[in-house]
Protein backbone atom coordinates (compact mmCIF):
# COMPACT_ATOMS: atom_id res chain seq x y z
CA MET A 1 15.12 -5.58 19.85
CA ILE A 2 12.15 -5.43 17.37
CA ASN A 3 14.07 -2.92 15.09
CA ASN A 4 16.50 -5.49 14.01
CA TYR A 5 14.30 -8.00 14.36
CA LEU A 6 11.72 -6.60 12.09
CA LYS A 7 14.90 -5.18 9.51
CA LEU A 8 15.74 -8.71 9.16
CA PHE A 9 12.23 -10.17 8.82
CA VAL A 10 11.51 -7.30 6.10
CA PHE A 11 14.52 -8.30 4.39
CA ILE A 12 14.11 -11.76 4.55
CA PHE A 13 10.29 -11.41 3.21
CA CYS A 14 10.97 -9.13 -0.05
CA ALA A 15 14.26 -10.95 -0.98
CA PHE A 16 12.03 -14.30 -1.20
CA SER A 17 8.65 -12.81 -2.42
CA THR A 18 10.03 -10.93 -4.87
CA ALA A 19 11.65 -11.45 -8.53
CA ASN A 20 13.96 -8.81 -7.86
CA SER A 21 17.59 -9.30 -7.46
CA PHE A 22 19.60 -9.72 -4.34
CA SER A 23 21.33 -6.31 -4.70
CA GLU A 24 18.02 -4.61 -5.04
CA ASN A 25 16.84 -5.83 -2.14
CA ARG A 26 19.81 -4.94 0.24
CA ASN A 27 17.58 -2.17 1.41
CA SER A 28 15.65 -2.01 5.19
CA ILE A 29 13.22 -0.16 6.55
CA THR A 30 13.87 2.19 9.08
CA ILE A 31 11.46 2.49 12.14
CA SER A 32 11.23 5.75 13.29
CA PRO A 33 7.99 8.02 13.82
CA GLU A 34 6.65 9.86 11.39
CA ASN A 35 7.69 13.11 10.35
CA ARG A 36 6.45 15.81 8.27
CA CYS A 37 9.15 17.51 7.29
CA SER A 38 7.25 19.85 4.97
CA GLU A 39 3.90 20.97 4.01
CA TYR A 40 1.32 18.21 2.41
CA ASN A 41 -0.67 19.54 -0.27
CA LYS A 42 -2.27 16.27 -2.34
CA LYS A 43 -3.34 17.57 -5.32
CA LYS A 44 -0.14 19.93 -5.81
CA GLN A 45 2.72 16.99 -4.72
CA TYR A 46 1.13 13.79 -5.81
CA PRO A 47 -0.88 14.29 -8.75
CA TYR A 48 -1.44 11.04 -10.79
CA SER A 49 -4.04 10.96 -14.11
CA GLN A 50 -7.04 9.40 -13.90
CA SER A 51 -5.64 6.69 -16.68
CA VAL A 52 -4.14 5.02 -13.71
CA GLU A 53 -7.74 3.60 -13.45
CA ASP A 54 -7.44 1.82 -16.56
CA LYS A 55 -4.28 0.19 -15.21
CA ILE A 56 -5.54 -0.86 -12.16
CA VAL A 57 -8.69 -2.79 -14.02
CA HIS A 58 -6.35 -4.05 -16.50
CA SER A 59 -3.94 -5.27 -13.74
CA MET A 60 -6.84 -7.57 -12.34
CA ASN A 61 -7.94 -9.36 -15.55
CA GLY A 62 -10.61 -6.51 -16.52
CA LEU A 63 -12.17 -6.79 -13.08
CA VAL A 64 -13.32 -4.07 -11.26
CA TYR A 65 -13.08 -4.91 -7.85
CA SER A 66 -12.00 -3.74 -4.33
CA PRO A 67 -9.38 -6.16 -2.74
CA TYR A 68 -9.70 -4.71 0.75
CA THR A 69 -13.61 -6.01 1.03
CA GLY A 70 -13.72 -8.91 -2.36
CA ARG A 71 -16.52 -6.83 -3.80
CA TYR A 72 -16.83 -6.60 -7.62
CA PHE A 73 -18.46 -3.30 -9.38
CA ASP A 74 -19.86 -2.77 -12.68
CA THR A 75 -17.78 0.01 -13.30
CA ASP A 76 -15.05 1.75 -12.19
CA THR A 77 -16.97 5.12 -11.45
CA GLU A 78 -18.04 3.25 -8.12
CA THR A 79 -14.55 2.96 -7.02
CA ASP A 80 -11.89 5.44 -6.15
CA ILE A 81 -8.33 4.75 -6.99
CA GLU A 82 -6.91 3.70 -3.89
CA HIS A 83 -2.95 4.41 -2.47
CA ILE A 84 -1.91 1.30 -0.68
CA VAL A 85 0.47 3.53 1.02
CA SER A 86 -1.56 6.24 1.25
CA THR A 87 0.07 9.79 0.17
CA SER A 88 -0.18 11.54 3.23
CA GLU A 89 1.78 8.22 5.50
CA GLY A 90 4.39 8.22 2.42
CA HIS A 91 4.91 11.87 2.70
CA ASP A 92 5.36 11.37 6.77
CA SER A 93 7.15 8.60 6.16
CA GLY A 94 10.58 10.29 4.47
CA LEU A 95 8.56 11.85 1.01
CA CYS A 96 8.42 15.23 2.50
CA ALA A 97 12.38 15.52 1.46
CA ALA A 98 11.59 14.08 -1.86
CA SER A 99 12.28 15.53 -5.29
CA GLU A 100 9.26 16.05 -7.02
CA GLU A 101 9.76 13.62 -9.52
CA THR A 102 9.98 11.13 -6.71
CA ARG A 103 6.23 11.99 -5.40
CA LYS A 104 4.87 11.96 -8.75
CA SER A 105 6.16 8.48 -9.24
CA PHE A 106 4.90 7.52 -5.84
CA ALA A 107 1.57 9.14 -6.68
CA SER A 108 1.21 6.83 -9.82
CA ASP A 109 3.04 3.62 -8.92
CA PRO A 110 0.96 0.37 -10.21
CA LEU A 111 2.42 -1.24 -7.01
CA ASN A 112 1.41 0.99 -4.30
CA LEU A 113 -2.23 1.21 -6.59
CA THR A 114 -5.97 -0.50 -6.11
CA LEU A 115 -9.40 0.19 -6.68
CA ALA A 116 -11.67 0.79 -3.39
CA SER A 117 -15.07 1.59 -2.71
CA PRO A 118 -15.59 5.36 -1.73
CA LYS A 119 -16.59 4.55 1.77
CA ILE A 120 -13.54 2.63 2.31
CA ASN A 121 -11.22 4.60 0.89
CA ARG A 122 -12.04 8.09 2.31
CA CYS A 123 -12.42 9.28 6.22
CA GLY A 124 -15.34 8.30 7.61
CA LYS A 125 -16.37 4.75 9.85
CA GLY A 126 -14.29 2.38 9.02
CA GLY A 127 -12.36 4.28 5.77
CA LYS A 128 -8.54 4.20 5.44
CA CYS A 129 -8.48 8.31 5.44
CA GLY A 130 -4.52 8.00 4.95
CA PHE A 131 -3.92 5.74 7.96
CA ASP A 132 -1.00 3.75 8.23
CA ALA A 133 -0.95 -0.39 8.54
CA GLY A 134 -0.72 0.11 12.32
CA GLU A 135 -3.70 2.24 12.28
CA TRP A 136 -6.50 0.58 9.98
CA MET A 137 -6.09 -3.01 8.30
CA PRO A 138 -8.86 -4.59 5.40
CA GLU A 139 -11.27 -6.73 5.99
CA LYS A 140 -9.80 -9.10 3.15
CA ASN A 141 -6.30 -9.07 1.62
CA ARG A 142 -4.37 -8.73 4.60
CA CYS A 143 -1.58 -10.85 3.42
CA TRP A 144 -1.46 -9.01 0.00
CA PHE A 145 -2.26 -5.53 1.34
CA ALA A 146 1.24 -6.14 4.39
CA SER A 147 2.96 -7.42 1.51
CA ARG A 148 2.31 -4.52 -0.84
CA VAL A 149 3.23 -1.79 1.94
CA VAL A 150 6.40 -3.15 3.01
CA LYS A 151 7.47 -3.59 -1.44
CA VAL A 152 6.19 0.49 -1.20
CA LYS A 153 8.16 1.10 1.55
CA MET A 154 11.44 -0.21 0.64
CA LYS A 155 10.96 0.55 -3.20
CA TYR A 156 10.54 4.62 -1.59
CA SER A 157 13.20 4.36 1.10
CA LEU A 158 10.03 4.98 3.52
CA SER A 159 10.16 4.90 7.35
CA MET A 160 7.35 2.83 9.21
CA ASP A 161 6.49 3.85 13.01
CA GLN A 162 6.98 0.96 15.47
CA ARG A 163 2.77 0.48 16.10
CA GLU A 164 2.96 -0.25 11.73
CA ALA A 165 5.98 -2.67 12.16
CA LYS A 166 4.09 -4.62 14.51
CA SER A 167 1.38 -4.76 12.76
CA LEU A 168 2.67 -5.26 9.36
CA TYR A 169 4.69 -8.21 11.21
CA SER A 170 1.73 -9.87 12.84
CA VAL A 171 -0.02 -10.14 9.80
CA LEU A 172 3.04 -11.80 7.84
CA SER A 173 4.52 -13.77 9.79
CA LYS A 174 1.06 -15.64 9.54
CA CYS A 175 0.69 -15.79 5.58
CA LYS A 176 1.00 -18.48 3.45
CA SER A 177 0.70 -16.48 -0.18
CA ASN A 178 0.91 -12.82 -0.79
CA GLU A 179 -0.83 -12.87 -3.61
CA MET A 180 -4.40 -10.80 -4.08
CA ILE A 181 -7.82 -13.18 -3.59
CA TYR A 182 -10.41 -12.86 -5.63
CA PHE A 183 -13.22 -13.75 -3.85
CA PRO A 184 -16.29 -15.83 -5.61
CA ASN A 185 -18.63 -12.82 -6.91
CA LYS A 186 -22.05 -13.89 -5.01
CA GLU A 187 -23.91 -11.96 -7.85
CA LEU A 188 -22.79 -13.99 -10.57
CA ASN A 189 -23.68 -17.59 -8.49
């Protein structure tokens, strides 16, 4: 029952939350267990240029900001490039069968990129570490994060497992906006 309900919810959510036309949002997200259908090697299969970091900063009005924590940084050397849907999660959700071109596009797609402190981006206590949205949610900007996960998964025809679907639905059903919130910089006040 949740499968059909979530597909309808995701379709409606994406149809009304983006500027894309109806025809571009006909896709739904398949709910199925993760599947590693081929070997995973991030460096070889999901390369991206370090210059994407400049594009991320530009998209955030020149601010070096981590939407997951609401923290500002002095320079982007203090942050990591963060894949909202991690490359390992994308791989196990359908990219393992995708072309090399599609994998490279996914790895450098601004829709799927943000900045995060290394502590949050990497494995360790509280770190995202390649988890999906059913296993990890950010401290802040949950609506923005959940919205981005759905948009990326739809764009690349990726599946999600039951736990991830329930988690995303739980967040998105309570959202009034899916815009990134820039929390006040306490150091500037």
